[in-house]
């Protein structure tokens, strides 16, 4: 079993209250707009870090972390990117960007993670049979009101124990 802490859109800021939520996890995943390489270095001191770069990230981050990350953890196929879009709902059409839709169709992940919007969303995509998570924004830049992260467990092909953590007002 792996316990995961999922962040996005820190924009160079790590809230001091964040650290207690990371210590109980096995890995930290960051879905882009990290902001500074120092954020990565601080996170790596706590737990192993998997990350992708976002649209605001500079060359130091872009040469260290990929745009797209696809891997398997605890028998769960995972795809992480920064700008991805969302699955269809009863009231809206799918908004995946074409490159992301193609990767999803080719690799068929069970878990798709993106950031960028600063809007926390956890949605099931019936069409592609995957769980979509956008952890919102953990930083202080943007229009979001509450800083958030998501924690969950992966175990023998299952995604479980998902929780949203609110870190307070932006």
N, C-alpha and C. Protein backbone atom coordinates (compact mmCIF):
# COMPACT_ATOMS: atom_id res chain seq x y z
N UNK A 1 0.84 -1.18 0.00
CA UNK A 1 0.00 0.00 0.00
C UNK A 1 0.88 1.24 0.00
N UNK A 2 0.48 2.23 -0.77
CA UNK A 2 1.17 3.52 -0.84
C UNK A 2 0.18 4.62 -0.45
N UNK A 3 0.60 5.49 0.43
CA UNK A 3 -0.19 6.67 0.79
C UNK A 3 0.41 7.86 0.03
N UNK A 4 -0.43 8.59 -0.69
CA UNK A 4 0.02 9.66 -1.58
C UNK A 4 -0.52 11.01 -1.10
N UNK A 5 0.34 12.02 -1.13
CA UNK A 5 -0.07 13.41 -0.94
C UNK A 5 0.02 14.07 -2.31
N UNK A 6 -1.06 14.65 -2.77
CA UNK A 6 -1.14 15.23 -4.11
C UNK A 6 -1.32 16.75 -4.01
N UNK A 7 -0.39 17.47 -4.63
CA UNK A 7 -0.40 18.93 -4.64
C UNK A 7 -0.42 19.45 -6.07
N UNK A 8 -0.78 20.71 -6.19
CA UNK A 8 -0.63 21.41 -7.45
C UNK A 8 -0.60 22.90 -7.17
N UNK A 9 -0.06 23.63 -8.12
CA UNK A 9 -0.12 25.09 -8.13
C UNK A 9 0.35 25.72 -6.82
N UNK A 10 1.55 25.33 -6.40
CA UNK A 10 2.15 25.96 -5.23
C UNK A 10 2.73 27.33 -5.58
N UNK A 11 3.11 27.52 -6.82
CA UNK A 11 3.62 28.82 -7.29
C UNK A 11 4.72 29.37 -6.38
N UNK A 12 5.61 28.48 -5.91
CA UNK A 12 6.75 28.91 -5.11
C UNK A 12 6.47 29.04 -3.63
N UNK A 13 5.28 28.67 -3.17
CA UNK A 13 4.91 28.83 -1.76
C UNK A 13 4.54 27.49 -1.14
N UNK A 14 5.16 27.17 0.00
CA UNK A 14 4.78 25.98 0.77
C UNK A 14 4.23 26.45 2.11
N UNK A 15 2.95 26.24 2.30
CA UNK A 15 2.29 26.62 3.55
C UNK A 15 2.89 25.80 4.68
N UNK A 16 3.29 26.42 5.79
CA UNK A 16 3.87 25.67 6.91
C UNK A 16 2.94 24.58 7.46
N UNK A 17 1.62 24.77 7.34
CA UNK A 17 0.70 23.75 7.84
C UNK A 17 0.65 22.51 6.96
N UNK A 18 1.22 22.60 5.78
CA UNK A 18 1.23 21.50 4.82
C UNK A 18 2.06 20.30 5.29
N UNK A 19 3.15 20.57 5.96
CA UNK A 19 4.15 19.54 6.25
C UNK A 19 3.61 18.39 7.10
N UNK A 20 2.74 18.66 8.04
CA UNK A 20 2.21 17.59 8.88
C UNK A 20 1.39 16.58 8.07
N UNK A 21 0.80 17.02 6.96
CA UNK A 21 0.02 16.13 6.11
C UNK A 21 0.90 15.30 5.19
N UNK A 22 2.10 15.77 4.93
CA UNK A 22 3.02 15.05 4.05
C UNK A 22 3.77 13.94 4.78
N UNK A 23 4.04 14.14 6.05
CA UNK A 23 4.86 13.19 6.81
C UNK A 23 4.26 11.80 6.90
N UNK A 24 2.93 11.68 6.87
CA UNK A 24 2.28 10.38 6.99
C UNK A 24 2.12 9.69 5.64
N UNK A 25 2.63 10.32 4.57
CA UNK A 25 2.51 9.74 3.23
C UNK A 25 3.81 9.07 2.82
N UNK A 26 3.73 8.20 1.82
CA UNK A 26 4.91 7.51 1.30
C UNK A 26 5.55 8.28 0.16
N UNK A 27 4.72 9.00 -0.62
CA UNK A 27 5.22 9.80 -1.74
C UNK A 27 4.43 11.09 -1.83
N UNK A 28 5.06 12.09 -2.44
CA UNK A 28 4.40 13.35 -2.75
C UNK A 28 4.36 13.47 -4.27
N UNK A 29 3.19 13.79 -4.80
CA UNK A 29 3.04 14.01 -6.23
C UNK A 29 2.63 15.47 -6.43
N UNK A 30 3.24 16.13 -7.40
CA UNK A 30 2.95 17.53 -7.68
C UNK A 30 2.53 17.67 -9.14
N UNK A 31 1.35 18.25 -9.37
CA UNK A 31 0.79 18.34 -10.72
C UNK A 31 1.08 19.68 -11.40
N UNK A 32 2.24 20.26 -11.13
CA UNK A 32 2.71 21.40 -11.89
C UNK A 32 2.42 22.77 -11.33
N UNK A 33 3.04 23.77 -11.97
CA UNK A 33 3.12 25.14 -11.46
C UNK A 33 3.74 25.10 -10.07
N UNK A 34 4.89 24.47 -10.03
CA UNK A 34 5.66 24.33 -8.79
C UNK A 34 6.16 25.70 -8.35
N UNK A 35 6.72 26.45 -9.26
CA UNK A 35 7.14 27.81 -8.98
C UNK A 35 8.64 27.99 -8.85
N UNK A 36 9.27 27.21 -8.00
CA UNK A 36 10.73 27.29 -7.82
C UNK A 36 11.29 25.90 -7.57
N UNK A 37 12.52 25.71 -7.97
CA UNK A 37 13.17 24.42 -7.72
C UNK A 37 13.35 24.18 -6.23
N UNK A 38 13.39 25.26 -5.44
CA UNK A 38 13.51 25.13 -3.98
C UNK A 38 12.29 24.44 -3.38
N UNK A 39 11.12 24.64 -3.97
CA UNK A 39 9.92 23.92 -3.51
C UNK A 39 10.15 22.42 -3.66
N UNK A 40 10.67 22.00 -4.80
CA UNK A 40 10.96 20.57 -5.03
C UNK A 40 11.97 20.05 -4.02
N UNK A 41 13.01 20.82 -3.78
CA UNK A 41 14.04 20.41 -2.83
C UNK A 41 13.47 20.24 -1.43
N UNK A 42 12.60 21.15 -1.02
CA UNK A 42 11.98 21.05 0.31
C UNK A 42 11.08 19.81 0.40
N UNK A 43 10.30 19.57 -0.64
CA UNK A 43 9.41 18.40 -0.65
C UNK A 43 10.21 17.11 -0.63
N UNK A 44 11.31 17.06 -1.38
CA UNK A 44 12.14 15.85 -1.44
C UNK A 44 12.81 15.53 -0.11
N UNK A 45 12.98 16.52 0.74
CA UNK A 45 13.53 16.28 2.08
C UNK A 45 12.55 15.49 2.94
N UNK A 46 11.28 15.57 2.60
CA UNK A 46 10.23 14.92 3.40
C UNK A 46 9.96 13.51 2.89
N UNK A 47 9.68 13.39 1.60
CA UNK A 47 9.32 12.11 0.99
C UNK A 47 9.74 12.14 -0.49
N UNK A 48 9.81 10.97 -1.14
CA UNK A 48 10.10 10.96 -2.58
C UNK A 48 9.05 11.77 -3.33
N UNK A 49 9.51 12.50 -4.36
CA UNK A 49 8.65 13.40 -5.13
C UNK A 49 8.56 12.95 -6.57
N UNK A 50 7.33 12.90 -7.08
CA UNK A 50 7.06 12.74 -8.51
C UNK A 50 6.36 14.02 -8.92
N UNK A 51 6.81 14.63 -10.01
CA UNK A 51 6.23 15.92 -10.40
C UNK A 51 6.28 16.11 -11.91
N UNK A 52 5.43 17.00 -12.38
CA UNK A 52 5.44 17.48 -13.76
C UNK A 52 5.57 18.99 -13.71
N UNK A 53 6.08 19.56 -14.80
CA UNK A 53 6.16 21.02 -14.83
C UNK A 53 4.84 21.60 -15.32
N UNK A 54 4.61 22.85 -14.92
CA UNK A 54 3.43 23.58 -15.36
C UNK A 54 3.81 24.78 -16.21
N UNK A 55 2.82 25.51 -16.65
CA UNK A 55 3.05 26.62 -17.58
C UNK A 55 3.85 27.77 -16.97
N UNK A 56 3.90 27.93 -15.66
CA UNK A 56 4.68 29.03 -15.07
C UNK A 56 6.10 28.60 -14.69
N UNK A 57 6.39 27.33 -14.80
CA UNK A 57 7.68 26.82 -14.35
C UNK A 57 8.80 27.14 -15.32
N UNK A 58 9.96 27.51 -14.76
CA UNK A 58 11.13 27.88 -15.55
C UNK A 58 11.92 26.68 -16.02
N UNK A 59 13.01 26.96 -16.73
CA UNK A 59 13.84 25.91 -17.32
C UNK A 59 14.44 24.98 -16.28
N UNK A 60 14.77 25.48 -15.10
CA UNK A 60 15.35 24.60 -14.08
C UNK A 60 14.39 23.47 -13.71
N UNK A 61 13.12 23.78 -13.61
CA UNK A 61 12.11 22.76 -13.31
C UNK A 61 11.81 21.93 -14.56
N UNK A 62 11.73 22.56 -15.72
CA UNK A 62 11.41 21.85 -16.96
C UNK A 62 12.50 20.85 -17.36
N UNK A 63 13.74 21.12 -16.99
CA UNK A 63 14.80 20.17 -17.32
C UNK A 63 14.90 19.04 -16.30
N UNK A 64 14.24 19.21 -15.15
CA UNK A 64 14.27 18.20 -14.10
C UNK A 64 13.03 17.31 -14.13
N UNK A 65 11.88 17.90 -14.45
CA UNK A 65 10.61 17.17 -14.42
C UNK A 65 9.95 17.23 -15.79
N UNK A 66 9.22 16.17 -16.18
CA UNK A 66 8.61 16.13 -17.51
C UNK A 66 7.28 16.90 -17.57
N UNK A 67 6.79 17.09 -18.78
CA UNK A 67 5.47 17.67 -18.99
C UNK A 67 4.38 16.66 -18.63
N UNK A 68 4.60 15.42 -19.02
CA UNK A 68 3.65 14.32 -18.78
C UNK A 68 4.39 13.21 -18.06
N UNK A 69 3.70 12.59 -17.13
CA UNK A 69 4.29 11.50 -16.37
C UNK A 69 3.30 10.34 -16.34
N UNK A 70 3.74 9.18 -16.82
CA UNK A 70 2.89 7.98 -16.81
C UNK A 70 3.67 6.88 -16.12
N UNK A 71 3.06 6.26 -15.12
CA UNK A 71 3.73 5.20 -14.36
C UNK A 71 2.67 4.32 -13.70
N UNK A 72 3.12 3.22 -13.11
CA UNK A 72 2.24 2.32 -12.38
C UNK A 72 2.71 2.29 -10.93
N UNK A 73 1.77 2.47 -10.02
CA UNK A 73 2.05 2.39 -8.59
C UNK A 73 1.00 1.51 -7.94
N UNK A 74 1.44 0.50 -7.25
CA UNK A 74 0.51 -0.43 -6.58
C UNK A 74 -0.57 -0.93 -7.53
N UNK A 75 -0.14 -1.30 -8.74
CA UNK A 75 -1.01 -1.85 -9.77
C UNK A 75 -2.03 -0.86 -10.33
N UNK A 76 -1.84 0.43 -10.07
CA UNK A 76 -2.71 1.47 -10.61
C UNK A 76 -1.91 2.27 -11.64
N UNK A 77 -2.41 2.31 -12.87
CA UNK A 77 -1.79 3.09 -13.92
C UNK A 77 -2.17 4.56 -13.72
N UNK A 78 -1.14 5.42 -13.68
CA UNK A 78 -1.33 6.83 -13.34
C UNK A 78 -0.80 7.71 -14.48
N UNK A 79 -1.53 8.75 -14.81
CA UNK A 79 -1.09 9.75 -15.78
C UNK A 79 -1.25 11.12 -15.12
N UNK A 80 -0.14 11.88 -15.06
CA UNK A 80 -0.15 13.22 -14.49
C UNK A 80 0.35 14.21 -15.53
N UNK A 81 -0.35 15.33 -15.65
CA UNK A 81 0.06 16.45 -16.47
C UNK A 81 -0.47 17.71 -15.81
N UNK A 82 -0.03 18.86 -16.25
CA UNK A 82 -0.51 20.08 -15.59
C UNK A 82 -1.83 20.58 -16.18
N UNK A 83 -1.86 20.78 -17.49
CA UNK A 83 -3.08 21.27 -18.14
C UNK A 83 -3.74 20.10 -18.83
N UNK A 84 -4.93 19.71 -18.35
CA UNK A 84 -5.54 18.50 -18.89
C UNK A 84 -6.97 18.61 -19.31
N UNK A 85 -7.79 19.35 -18.58
CA UNK A 85 -9.22 19.37 -18.85
C UNK A 85 -9.95 18.39 -17.95
N UNK A 86 -11.23 18.18 -18.27
CA UNK A 86 -12.10 17.39 -17.40
C UNK A 86 -12.97 16.42 -18.18
N UNK A 87 -13.42 15.36 -17.50
CA UNK A 87 -14.35 14.43 -18.14
C UNK A 87 -15.72 15.08 -18.33
N UNK A 88 -16.54 14.45 -19.13
CA UNK A 88 -17.91 14.90 -19.33
C UNK A 88 -18.72 14.66 -18.05
N UNK A 89 -19.72 15.50 -17.85
CA UNK A 89 -20.69 15.30 -16.77
C UNK A 89 -22.07 15.22 -17.41
N UNK A 90 -23.10 15.06 -16.60
CA UNK A 90 -24.46 15.04 -17.13
C UNK A 90 -24.83 16.37 -17.79
N UNK A 91 -24.15 17.46 -17.37
CA UNK A 91 -24.51 18.79 -17.86
C UNK A 91 -23.47 19.41 -18.77
N UNK A 92 -22.32 18.77 -18.92
CA UNK A 92 -21.27 19.38 -19.75
C UNK A 92 -20.54 18.33 -20.58
N UNK A 93 -19.92 18.80 -21.64
CA UNK A 93 -19.13 17.92 -22.50
C UNK A 93 -17.72 17.78 -21.94
N UNK A 94 -17.05 16.76 -22.36
CA UNK A 94 -15.64 16.54 -22.01
C UNK A 94 -14.80 17.73 -22.48
N UNK A 95 -13.85 18.16 -21.64
CA UNK A 95 -12.99 19.28 -22.01
C UNK A 95 -11.51 18.91 -22.03
N UNK A 96 -11.20 17.62 -22.12
CA UNK A 96 -9.80 17.24 -22.23
C UNK A 96 -9.17 17.92 -23.43
N UNK A 97 -7.94 18.42 -23.28
CA UNK A 97 -7.26 18.97 -24.44
C UNK A 97 -6.89 17.79 -25.35
N UNK A 98 -6.79 18.03 -26.67
CA UNK A 98 -6.58 16.90 -27.60
C UNK A 98 -5.39 16.01 -27.26
N UNK A 99 -4.24 16.59 -26.91
CA UNK A 99 -3.06 15.78 -26.57
C UNK A 99 -3.34 14.86 -25.39
N UNK A 100 -4.03 15.39 -24.37
CA UNK A 100 -4.35 14.60 -23.18
C UNK A 100 -5.34 13.49 -23.52
N UNK A 101 -6.37 13.82 -24.29
CA UNK A 101 -7.35 12.80 -24.69
C UNK A 101 -6.66 11.65 -25.42
N UNK A 102 -5.72 11.99 -26.31
CA UNK A 102 -5.00 10.96 -27.06
C UNK A 102 -4.18 10.07 -26.12
N UNK A 103 -3.48 10.68 -25.17
CA UNK A 103 -2.68 9.90 -24.22
C UNK A 103 -3.58 9.01 -23.37
N UNK A 104 -4.71 9.54 -22.92
CA UNK A 104 -5.65 8.74 -22.13
C UNK A 104 -6.15 7.56 -22.94
N UNK A 105 -6.50 7.79 -24.20
CA UNK A 105 -7.01 6.70 -25.04
C UNK A 105 -5.94 5.66 -25.33
N UNK A 106 -4.69 6.10 -25.48
CA UNK A 106 -3.60 5.16 -25.77
C UNK A 106 -3.12 4.39 -24.54
N UNK A 107 -3.03 5.06 -23.40
CA UNK A 107 -2.43 4.42 -22.22
C UNK A 107 -3.46 3.88 -21.23
N UNK A 108 -4.69 4.34 -21.33
CA UNK A 108 -5.79 3.89 -20.48
C UNK A 108 -5.45 3.88 -18.98
N UNK A 109 -5.10 5.05 -18.43
CA UNK A 109 -4.79 5.09 -16.99
C UNK A 109 -6.04 4.86 -16.15
N UNK A 110 -5.87 4.37 -14.96
CA UNK A 110 -6.98 4.27 -13.99
C UNK A 110 -7.13 5.56 -13.21
N UNK A 111 -6.03 6.34 -13.14
CA UNK A 111 -6.02 7.59 -12.39
C UNK A 111 -5.40 8.68 -13.26
N UNK A 112 -6.17 9.74 -13.52
CA UNK A 112 -5.68 10.89 -14.28
C UNK A 112 -5.66 12.10 -13.36
N UNK A 113 -4.49 12.75 -13.27
CA UNK A 113 -4.30 13.89 -12.38
C UNK A 113 -3.82 15.08 -13.20
N UNK A 114 -4.43 16.24 -12.94
CA UNK A 114 -3.94 17.49 -13.51
C UNK A 114 -4.16 18.61 -12.51
N UNK A 115 -3.59 19.76 -12.81
CA UNK A 115 -3.75 20.95 -11.98
C UNK A 115 -4.27 22.08 -12.84
N UNK A 116 -3.63 23.23 -12.75
CA UNK A 116 -3.81 24.41 -13.59
C UNK A 116 -5.03 25.26 -13.24
N UNK A 117 -6.20 24.68 -13.06
CA UNK A 117 -7.41 25.48 -12.90
C UNK A 117 -7.54 26.10 -11.51
N UNK A 118 -6.81 25.58 -10.54
CA UNK A 118 -6.92 25.98 -9.13
C UNK A 118 -8.28 25.57 -8.55
N UNK A 119 -9.00 24.72 -9.25
CA UNK A 119 -10.32 24.26 -8.80
C UNK A 119 -10.22 22.79 -8.40
N UNK A 120 -10.49 22.52 -7.15
CA UNK A 120 -10.48 21.15 -6.64
C UNK A 120 -11.63 20.36 -7.26
N UNK A 121 -11.29 19.25 -7.88
CA UNK A 121 -12.32 18.37 -8.46
C UNK A 121 -11.86 16.93 -8.36
N UNK A 122 -12.80 16.08 -7.97
CA UNK A 122 -12.60 14.63 -8.02
C UNK A 122 -13.81 14.10 -8.77
N UNK A 123 -13.56 13.48 -9.92
CA UNK A 123 -14.65 13.05 -10.79
C UNK A 123 -14.34 11.68 -11.39
N UNK A 124 -15.37 10.89 -11.58
CA UNK A 124 -15.20 9.63 -12.28
C UNK A 124 -15.53 9.84 -13.75
N UNK A 125 -14.66 9.38 -14.63
CA UNK A 125 -14.86 9.47 -16.06
C UNK A 125 -15.36 8.11 -16.55
N UNK A 126 -16.67 8.02 -16.81
CA UNK A 126 -17.28 6.76 -17.24
C UNK A 126 -16.77 6.33 -18.61
N UNK A 127 -16.60 7.29 -19.49
CA UNK A 127 -16.19 6.98 -20.86
C UNK A 127 -14.80 6.32 -20.89
N UNK A 128 -13.87 6.83 -20.09
CA UNK A 128 -12.50 6.31 -20.10
C UNK A 128 -12.19 5.43 -18.90
N UNK A 129 -13.18 5.18 -18.07
CA UNK A 129 -13.03 4.29 -16.91
C UNK A 129 -11.83 4.68 -16.05
N UNK A 130 -11.83 5.95 -15.60
CA UNK A 130 -10.73 6.43 -14.77
C UNK A 130 -11.25 7.41 -13.73
N UNK A 131 -10.45 7.58 -12.68
CA UNK A 131 -10.73 8.60 -11.69
C UNK A 131 -9.89 9.81 -12.03
N UNK A 132 -10.52 10.97 -12.09
CA UNK A 132 -9.83 12.23 -12.39
C UNK A 132 -9.73 13.02 -11.10
N UNK A 133 -8.51 13.50 -10.78
CA UNK A 133 -8.32 14.34 -9.60
C UNK A 133 -7.56 15.60 -9.99
N UNK A 134 -8.11 16.74 -9.61
CA UNK A 134 -7.39 18.00 -9.63
C UNK A 134 -7.38 18.44 -8.16
N UNK A 135 -6.20 18.51 -7.53
CA UNK A 135 -6.16 18.81 -6.10
C UNK A 135 -6.38 20.27 -5.74
N UNK A 136 -6.73 21.11 -6.70
CA UNK A 136 -6.88 22.53 -6.43
C UNK A 136 -5.50 23.17 -6.36
N UNK A 137 -5.37 24.20 -5.56
CA UNK A 137 -4.10 24.93 -5.46
C UNK A 137 -3.65 24.99 -4.00
N UNK A 138 -2.39 24.66 -3.77
CA UNK A 138 -1.83 24.71 -2.42
C UNK A 138 -1.08 26.01 -2.16
N UNK A 139 -0.94 26.85 -3.17
CA UNK A 139 -0.20 28.10 -3.03
C UNK A 139 -1.10 29.29 -2.74
N UNK A 140 -0.50 30.46 -2.77
CA UNK A 140 -1.24 31.68 -2.43
C UNK A 140 -1.54 32.56 -3.64
N UNK A 141 -1.09 32.17 -4.82
CA UNK A 141 -1.34 32.95 -6.04
C UNK A 141 -2.47 32.32 -6.83
N UNK A 142 -3.38 33.15 -7.31
CA UNK A 142 -4.51 32.67 -8.10
C UNK A 142 -5.81 33.14 -7.51
N UNK A 143 -6.91 32.67 -8.09
CA UNK A 143 -8.23 33.14 -7.66
C UNK A 143 -8.90 32.23 -6.64
N UNK A 144 -8.32 31.08 -6.35
CA UNK A 144 -8.92 30.17 -5.38
C UNK A 144 -9.00 30.85 -4.01
N UNK A 145 -9.96 30.43 -3.21
CA UNK A 145 -10.13 31.02 -1.88
C UNK A 145 -9.44 30.19 -0.79
N UNK A 146 -9.47 28.88 -0.94
CA UNK A 146 -8.93 27.96 0.06
C UNK A 146 -7.76 27.18 -0.55
N UNK A 147 -6.65 27.08 0.17
CA UNK A 147 -5.53 26.25 -0.26
C UNK A 147 -5.89 24.79 0.06
N UNK A 148 -5.66 23.90 -0.91
CA UNK A 148 -6.05 22.50 -0.74
C UNK A 148 -4.97 21.54 -1.22
N UNK A 149 -5.06 20.32 -0.73
CA UNK A 149 -4.32 19.18 -1.25
C UNK A 149 -5.21 17.96 -1.10
N UNK A 150 -4.85 16.88 -1.73
CA UNK A 150 -5.62 15.64 -1.67
C UNK A 150 -4.67 14.54 -1.23
N UNK A 151 -5.16 13.67 -0.35
CA UNK A 151 -4.41 12.47 0.03
C UNK A 151 -5.27 11.25 -0.27
N UNK A 152 -4.60 10.16 -0.64
CA UNK A 152 -5.30 8.92 -0.93
C UNK A 152 -4.32 7.77 -0.83
N UNK A 153 -4.85 6.56 -0.87
CA UNK A 153 -4.03 5.35 -0.85
C UNK A 153 -4.22 4.57 -2.13
N UNK A 154 -3.16 3.91 -2.55
CA UNK A 154 -3.20 2.96 -3.65
C UNK A 154 -2.85 1.60 -3.07
N UNK A 155 -3.67 0.60 -3.37
CA UNK A 155 -3.42 -0.72 -2.80
C UNK A 155 -3.97 -1.79 -3.73
N UNK A 156 -3.08 -2.59 -4.28
CA UNK A 156 -3.44 -3.73 -5.11
C UNK A 156 -4.48 -3.37 -6.18
N UNK A 157 -4.24 -2.27 -6.88
CA UNK A 157 -5.11 -1.87 -7.96
C UNK A 157 -6.28 -0.99 -7.55
N UNK A 158 -6.42 -0.72 -6.27
CA UNK A 158 -7.53 0.11 -5.79
C UNK A 158 -7.06 1.49 -5.37
N UNK A 159 -7.91 2.48 -5.59
CA UNK A 159 -7.69 3.85 -5.13
C UNK A 159 -8.67 4.03 -3.97
N UNK A 160 -8.15 4.30 -2.78
CA UNK A 160 -9.01 4.33 -1.61
C UNK A 160 -8.60 5.41 -0.61
N UNK A 161 -9.44 5.60 0.39
CA UNK A 161 -9.18 6.52 1.51
C UNK A 161 -8.87 7.93 1.03
N UNK A 162 -9.59 8.40 0.03
CA UNK A 162 -9.35 9.73 -0.51
C UNK A 162 -9.87 10.79 0.46
N UNK A 163 -9.04 11.79 0.72
CA UNK A 163 -9.45 12.89 1.58
C UNK A 163 -8.95 14.21 1.03
N UNK A 164 -9.77 15.22 1.18
CA UNK A 164 -9.41 16.59 0.81
C UNK A 164 -8.95 17.29 2.08
N UNK A 165 -7.81 17.95 1.99
CA UNK A 165 -7.28 18.69 3.13
C UNK A 165 -7.32 20.17 2.79
N UNK A 166 -7.99 20.94 3.63
CA UNK A 166 -8.02 22.39 3.46
C UNK A 166 -6.95 23.00 4.35
N UNK A 167 -6.09 23.83 3.76
CA UNK A 167 -4.98 24.43 4.47
C UNK A 167 -5.27 25.87 4.93
N UNK A 168 -6.46 26.32 4.71
CA UNK A 168 -6.84 27.67 5.13
C UNK A 168 -6.98 28.61 3.95
N UNK A 169 -7.30 29.84 4.28
CA UNK A 169 -7.52 30.86 3.25
C UNK A 169 -6.25 31.20 2.50
N UNK A 170 -6.39 31.51 1.25
CA UNK A 170 -5.29 31.94 0.41
C UNK A 170 -4.82 33.29 0.92
